[in-house]
Structures are given as structure tokens and as C-alpha cells.
Amino acid sequence: MTAPNELRLLPWSGPEGKPCYLSTDDRGGFMSRLADNIEAVQLGTAAELLEQAADALDDQDAGPEDLRLLAKQLTGALRDVLRVATSRGHLLAVSEPHRF
């Protein structure tokens, strides 16, 4: 089984917002593929929101309510992207041999 320092941070939270981890030797298993797919959706959503933000900042008629909603959505997307980056960075560090 996977060593404790090789747990994969999953792209969703557990009860009370606590992080969820996957322990498996099968990177092609169901849960790994599910996590990969959810990460892809999260990254796609972040890219779409980034385009919306650029448009909203150029729109002189954008109201405070619209900008506030966009800021909330961007905050959630940034949280998701940070979790994906953390997870993937950890996976890279674990899978690559240390170079001295």
C-alpha cells in the first residue's frame, strides 16, 4: 500500500471542510480517475471565470452585485486550483527521485 507520505490530496473536502486523501498503489484506479476528472473540471471552471473576470473589469456598467458574485466565484475557483496545484506538486515530488 502507499506510504503515508505518498497520500494523494483529493480535489474535494470531507466533513467540516477537512482535506481528503487517497491511499492507493493504482494511479489508474476508479478513485484516482475520478479525482483526475474533477480536477480537470475545476481547472476548466477557473479558466472560464478568469475570462469572465477580464470581461467584467472592462465593462463600465458592471454593478457591485455582479462584481461581488464574480469575486466569490473566483475565490472558490482559486481555492480549487490551489488544492490541485498542491496535490500535483506533491505527486511530482514523490514520483521523482531526489537529485543531489
C-alpha atoms as a PDB file:
ATOM      1  CA  MET A   1       0.000   0.000   0.000  1.00  0.00           C
ATOM      2  CA  THR A   2       1.008   3.618  -0.336  1.00  0.00           C
ATOM      3  CA  ALA A   3       3.356   5.077   2.277  1.00  0.00           C
ATOM      4  CA  PRO A   4       1.826   7.820   4.471  1.00  0.00           C
ATOM      5  CA  ASN A   5       3.985  10.482   2.804  1.00  0.00           C
ATOM      6  CA  GLU A   6       2.600   9.423  -0.598  1.00  0.00           C
ATOM      7  CA  LEU A   7      -1.087  10.058   0.055  1.00  0.00           C
ATOM      8  CA  ARG A   8      -2.873  11.959  -2.704  1.00  0.00           C
ATOM      9  CA  LEU A   9      -4.746  15.094  -1.708  1.00  0.00           C
ATOM     10  CA  LEU A  10      -8.165  14.786  -3.326  1.00  0.00           C
ATOM     11  CA  PRO A  11      -9.911  17.733  -5.019  1.00  0.00           C
ATOM     12  CA  TRP A  12     -12.784  17.787  -2.528  1.00  0.00           C
ATOM     13  CA  SER A  13     -13.154  18.301   1.185  1.00  0.00           C
ATOM     14  CA  GLY A  14     -14.546  15.953   3.759  1.00  0.00           C
ATOM     15  CA  PRO A  15     -16.788  16.705   6.699  1.00  0.00           C
ATOM     16  CA  GLU A  16     -16.181  20.086   8.287  1.00  0.00           C
ATOM     17  CA  GLY A  17     -14.009  21.133   5.332  1.00  0.00           C
ATOM     18  CA  LYS A  18     -11.172  18.798   6.263  1.00  0.00           C
ATOM     19  CA  PRO A  19      -8.920  17.560   3.431  1.00  0.00           C
ATOM     20  CA  CYS A  20      -9.470  14.096   1.964  1.00  0.00           C
ATOM     21  CA  TYR A  21      -6.615  11.835   0.952  1.00  0.00           C
ATOM     22  CA  LEU A  22      -6.359   8.723  -1.201  1.00  0.00           C
ATOM     23  CA  SER A  23      -4.041   5.849  -0.371  1.00  0.00           C
ATOM     24  CA  THR A  24      -3.557   3.529  -3.344  1.00  0.00           C
ATOM     25  CA  ASP A  25      -0.886   1.960  -5.481  1.00  0.00           C
ATOM     26  CA  ASP A  26      -3.193   2.094  -8.524  1.00  0.00           C
ATOM     27  CA  ARG A  27      -2.976   5.526 -10.149  1.00  0.00           C
ATOM     28  CA  GLY A  28      -5.384   4.288 -12.824  1.00  0.00           C
ATOM     29  CA  GLY A  29      -7.979   3.094 -10.318  1.00  0.00           C
ATOM     30  CA  PHE A  30     -11.519   4.395 -10.083  1.00  0.00           C
ATOM     31  CA  MET A  31     -10.891   6.945  -7.319  1.00  0.00           C
ATOM     32  CA  SER A  32      -7.716   8.238  -8.983  1.00  0.00           C
ATOM     33  CA  ARG A  33      -9.541   8.676 -12.303  1.00  0.00           C
ATOM     34  CA  LEU A  34     -12.476  10.356 -10.526  1.00  0.00           C
ATOM     35  CA  ALA A  35     -10.086  12.779  -8.812  1.00  0.00           C
ATOM     36  CA  ASP A  36      -8.340  13.472 -12.156  1.00  0.00           C
ATOM     37  CA  ASN A  37     -11.695  14.221 -13.821  1.00  0.00           C
ATOM     38  CA  ILE A  38     -12.852  16.520 -11.030  1.00  0.00           C
ATOM     39  CA  GLU A  39      -9.518  18.373 -11.133  1.00  0.00           C
ATOM     40  CA  ALA A  40      -9.960  18.858 -14.893  1.00  0.00           C
ATOM     41  CA  VAL A  41     -13.439  20.306 -14.349  1.00  0.00           C
ATOM     42  CA  GLN A  42     -12.160  22.599 -11.591  1.00  0.00           C
ATOM     43  CA  LEU A  43      -9.327  23.892 -13.792  1.00  0.00           C
ATOM     44  CA  GLY A  44     -11.742  24.436 -16.690  1.00  0.00           C
ATOM     45  CA  THR A  45     -14.131  26.357 -14.455  1.00  0.00           C
ATOM     46  CA  ALA A  46     -11.268  28.552 -13.228  1.00  0.00           C
ATOM     47  CA  ALA A  47     -10.252  29.324 -16.826  1.00  0.00           C
ATOM     48  CA  GLU A  48     -13.834  30.306 -17.701  1.00  0.00           C
ATOM     49  CA  LEU A  49     -14.113  32.529 -14.623  1.00  0.00           C
ATOM     50  CA  LEU A  50     -10.844  34.215 -15.500  1.00  0.00           C
ATOM     51  CA  GLU A  51     -12.279  35.160 -18.900  1.00  0.00           C
ATOM     52  CA  GLN A  52     -15.471  36.425 -17.244  1.00  0.00           C
ATOM     53  CA  ALA A  53     -13.417  38.497 -14.809  1.00  0.00           C
ATOM     54  CA  ALA A  54     -11.457  40.109 -17.633  1.00  0.00           C
ATOM     55  CA  ASP A  55     -14.715  40.977 -19.403  1.00  0.00           C
ATOM     56  CA  ALA A  56     -16.309  42.301 -16.198  1.00  0.00           C
ATOM     57  CA  LEU A  57     -13.338  44.546 -15.466  1.00  0.00           C
ATOM     58  CA  ASP A  58     -13.650  46.038 -18.953  1.00  0.00           C
ATOM     59  CA  ASP A  59     -17.424  46.535 -18.547  1.00  0.00           C
ATOM     60  CA  GLN A  60     -18.121  50.034 -17.239  1.00  0.00           C
ATOM     61  CA  ASP A  61     -21.717  49.013 -16.489  1.00  0.00           C
ATOM     62  CA  ALA A  62     -20.836  46.086 -14.222  1.00  0.00           C
ATOM     63  CA  GLY A  63     -22.564  46.675 -10.909  1.00  0.00           C
ATOM     64  CA  PRO A  64     -21.228  45.998  -7.437  1.00  0.00           C
ATOM     65  CA  GLU A  65     -23.513  42.972  -7.006  1.00  0.00           C
ATOM     66  CA  ASP A  66     -22.192  41.398 -10.205  1.00  0.00           C
ATOM     67  CA  LEU A  67     -18.588  42.064  -9.206  1.00  0.00           C
ATOM     68  CA  ARG A  68     -19.170  40.701  -5.699  1.00  0.00           C
ATOM     69  CA  LEU A  69     -20.656  37.463  -7.090  1.00  0.00           C
ATOM     70  CA  LEU A  70     -17.751  37.152  -9.511  1.00  0.00           C
ATOM     71  CA  ALA A  71     -15.268  37.709  -6.676  1.00  0.00           C
ATOM     72  CA  LYS A  72     -16.935  34.926  -4.647  1.00  0.00           C
ATOM     73  CA  GLN A  73     -16.791  32.565  -7.618  1.00  0.00           C
ATOM     74  CA  LEU A  74     -13.156  33.453  -8.288  1.00  0.00           C
ATOM     75  CA  THR A  75     -12.308  32.827  -4.628  1.00  0.00           C
ATOM     76  CA  GLY A  76     -13.800  29.339  -4.814  1.00  0.00           C
ATOM     77  CA  ALA A  77     -12.035  28.617  -8.099  1.00  0.00           C
ATOM     78  CA  LEU A  78      -8.715  29.854  -6.715  1.00  0.00           C
ATOM     79  CA  ARG A  79      -9.153  27.588  -3.681  1.00  0.00           C
ATOM     80  CA  ASP A  80      -9.770  24.623  -6.022  1.00  0.00           C
ATOM     81  CA  VAL A  81      -6.795  25.450  -8.251  1.00  0.00           C
ATOM     82  CA  LEU A  82      -4.525  25.804  -5.217  1.00  0.00           C
ATOM     83  CA  ARG A  83      -5.641  22.375  -3.990  1.00  0.00           C
ATOM     84  CA  VAL A  84      -4.957  20.859  -7.445  1.00  0.00           C
ATOM     85  CA  ALA A  85      -1.521  22.507  -7.592  1.00  0.00           C
ATOM     86  CA  THR A  86      -0.673  21.296  -4.093  1.00  0.00           C
ATOM     87  CA  SER A  87      -1.787  17.759  -4.895  1.00  0.00           C
ATOM     88  CA  ARG A  88       0.044  17.590  -8.222  1.00  0.00           C
ATOM     89  CA  GLY A  89       3.179  19.171  -6.783  1.00  0.00           C
ATOM     90  CA  HIS A  90       3.218  16.581  -4.021  1.00  0.00           C
ATOM     91  CA  LEU A  91       2.709  13.758  -6.539  1.00  0.00           C
ATOM     92  CA  LEU A  92       5.626  15.047  -8.613  1.00  0.00           C
ATOM     93  CA  ALA A  93       7.875  15.296  -5.572  1.00  0.00           C
ATOM     94  CA  VAL A  94       7.032  11.748  -4.527  1.00  0.00           C
ATOM     95  CA  SER A  95       7.395  10.220  -8.001  1.00  0.00           C
ATOM     96  CA  GLU A  96      10.695  11.868  -8.957  1.00  0.00           C
ATOM     97  CA  PRO A  97      13.912  10.573  -7.403  1.00  0.00           C
ATOM     98  CA  HIS A  98      15.816  13.087  -5.317  1.00  0.00           C
ATOM     99  CA  ARG A  99      18.697  14.719  -7.155  1.00  0.00           C
ATOM    100  CA  PHE A 100      21.794  15.728  -5.276  1.00  0.00           C
END
